Amino acid sequence: MAMINPAQFVREVIGEVKKVTFPTRKETTVTTIMVFIMVALAALFFMLVDWILSQGVQLLLGVGG
């Protein structure tokens, strides 16, 4: 296994860090809003599925009211 030269390692790390880009404030805001919308849609979907399954079980077992 080759020995790692610490100076070369630091140069490579700095080179990789320079390639990093961070999202703009607008991109972050839009992505956050999209996440909240998808969470709300998923919650509604699972609420509907739960209600349907609950009604089906009550119908099959003849319980509930």
C-alpha atoms as a PDB file:
ATOM      1  CA  MET A   1       0.000   0.000   0.000  1.00  0.00           C
ATOM      2  CA  ALA A   2       1.326   3.429  -0.953  1.00  0.00           C
ATOM      3  CA  MET A   3       2.202   5.928   1.749  1.00  0.00           C
ATOM      4  CA  ILE A   4       0.042   9.034   1.839  1.00  0.00           C
ATOM      5  CA  ASN A   5       1.924  12.293   1.707  1.00  0.00           C
ATOM      6  CA  PRO A   6       0.202  14.689   4.178  1.00  0.00           C
ATOM      7  CA  ALA A   7       0.941  17.771   2.051  1.00  0.00           C
ATOM      8  CA  GLN A   8      -0.511  16.105  -1.068  1.00  0.00           C
ATOM      9  CA  PHE A   9      -3.536  15.006   0.947  1.00  0.00           C
ATOM     10  CA  VAL A  10      -4.178  18.577   2.139  1.00  0.00           C
ATOM     11  CA  ARG A  11      -3.833  19.916  -1.430  1.00  0.00           C
ATOM     12  CA  GLU A  12      -6.343  17.346  -2.681  1.00  0.00           C
ATOM     13  CA  VAL A  13      -8.775  18.137   0.127  1.00  0.00           C
ATOM     14  CA  ILE A  14      -8.575  21.869  -0.633  1.00  0.00           C
ATOM     15  CA  GLY A  15      -9.134  21.134  -4.317  1.00  0.00           C
ATOM     16  CA  GLU A  16     -12.236  19.081  -3.515  1.00  0.00           C
ATOM     17  CA  VAL A  17     -13.600  21.693  -1.106  1.00  0.00           C
ATOM     18  CA  LYS A  18     -13.343  24.315  -3.859  1.00  0.00           C
ATOM     19  CA  LYS A  19     -15.701  22.174  -5.983  1.00  0.00           C
ATOM     20  CA  VAL A  20     -18.448  22.266  -3.346  1.00  0.00           C
ATOM     21  CA  THR A  21     -21.411  24.467  -4.191  1.00  0.00           C
ATOM     22  CA  PHE A  22     -24.166  25.420  -1.783  1.00  0.00           C
ATOM     23  CA  PRO A  23     -27.774  26.075  -2.810  1.00  0.00           C
ATOM     24  CA  THR A  24     -29.022  29.619  -3.054  1.00  0.00           C
ATOM     25  CA  ARG A  25     -31.611  30.993  -0.624  1.00  0.00           C
ATOM     26  CA  LYS A  26     -34.299  30.653  -3.333  1.00  0.00           C
ATOM     27  CA  GLU A  27     -33.385  27.006  -4.054  1.00  0.00           C
ATOM     28  CA  THR A  28     -33.499  26.204  -0.350  1.00  0.00           C
ATOM     29  CA  THR A  29     -36.884  27.902   0.068  1.00  0.00           C
ATOM     30  CA  VAL A  30     -38.416  26.152  -2.947  1.00  0.00           C
ATOM     31  CA  THR A  31     -37.090  22.767  -1.833  1.00  0.00           C
ATOM     32  CA  THR A  32     -38.397  23.276   1.701  1.00  0.00           C
ATOM     33  CA  ILE A  33     -41.852  24.196   0.409  1.00  0.00           C
ATOM     34  CA  MET A  34     -41.839  21.127  -1.852  1.00  0.00           C
ATOM     35  CA  VAL A  35     -40.964  18.911   1.113  1.00  0.00           C
ATOM     36  CA  PHE A  36     -43.832  20.332   3.183  1.00  0.00           C
ATOM     37  CA  ILE A  37     -46.269  19.804   0.304  1.00  0.00           C
ATOM     38  CA  MET A  38     -45.148  16.204  -0.211  1.00  0.00           C
ATOM     39  CA  VAL A  39     -45.408  15.498   3.530  1.00  0.00           C
ATOM     40  CA  ALA A  40     -48.956  16.895   3.562  1.00  0.00           C
ATOM     41  CA  LEU A  41     -49.922  14.784   0.528  1.00  0.00           C
ATOM     42  CA  ALA A  42     -48.407  11.653   2.064  1.00  0.00           C
ATOM     43  CA  ALA A  43     -50.259  12.319   5.337  1.00  0.00           C
ATOM     44  CA  LEU A  44     -53.565  12.719   3.479  1.00  0.00           C
ATOM     45  CA  PHE A  45     -52.936   9.556   1.462  1.00  0.00           C
ATOM     46  CA  PHE A  46     -52.176   7.445   4.526  1.00  0.00           C
ATOM     47  CA  MET A  47     -55.113   8.958   6.426  1.00  0.00           C
ATOM     48  CA  LEU A  48     -57.413   7.947   3.551  1.00  0.00           C
ATOM     49  CA  VAL A  49     -55.956   4.437   3.325  1.00  0.00           C
ATOM     50  CA  ASP A  50     -56.273   4.018   7.098  1.00  0.00           C
ATOM     51  CA  TRP A  51     -59.899   5.151   7.001  1.00  0.00           C
ATOM     52  CA  ILE A  52     -60.709   2.769   4.128  1.00  0.00           C
ATOM     53  CA  LEU A  53     -59.071  -0.180   5.882  1.00  0.00           C
ATOM     54  CA  SER A  54     -60.820   0.724   9.133  1.00  0.00           C
ATOM     55  CA  GLN A  55     -64.203   0.803   7.407  1.00  0.00           C
ATOM     56  CA  GLY A  56     -63.453  -2.537   5.747  1.00  0.00           C
ATOM     57  CA  VAL A  57     -62.520  -4.208   9.035  1.00  0.00           C
ATOM     58  CA  GLN A  58     -65.621  -2.797  10.753  1.00  0.00           C
ATOM     59  CA  LEU A  59     -67.772  -4.073   7.910  1.00  0.00           C
ATOM     60  CA  LEU A  60     -66.223  -7.550   8.023  1.00  0.00           C
ATOM     61  CA  LEU A  61     -66.362  -7.890  11.789  1.00  0.00           C
ATOM     62  CA  GLY A  62     -69.656  -6.067  12.278  1.00  0.00           C
ATOM     63  CA  VAL A  63     -68.249  -3.933  15.073  1.00  0.00           C
ATOM     64  CA  GLY A  64     -67.886  -0.232  15.627  1.00  0.00           C
ATOM     65  CA  GLY A  65     -70.274   2.526  15.198  1.00  0.00           C
END
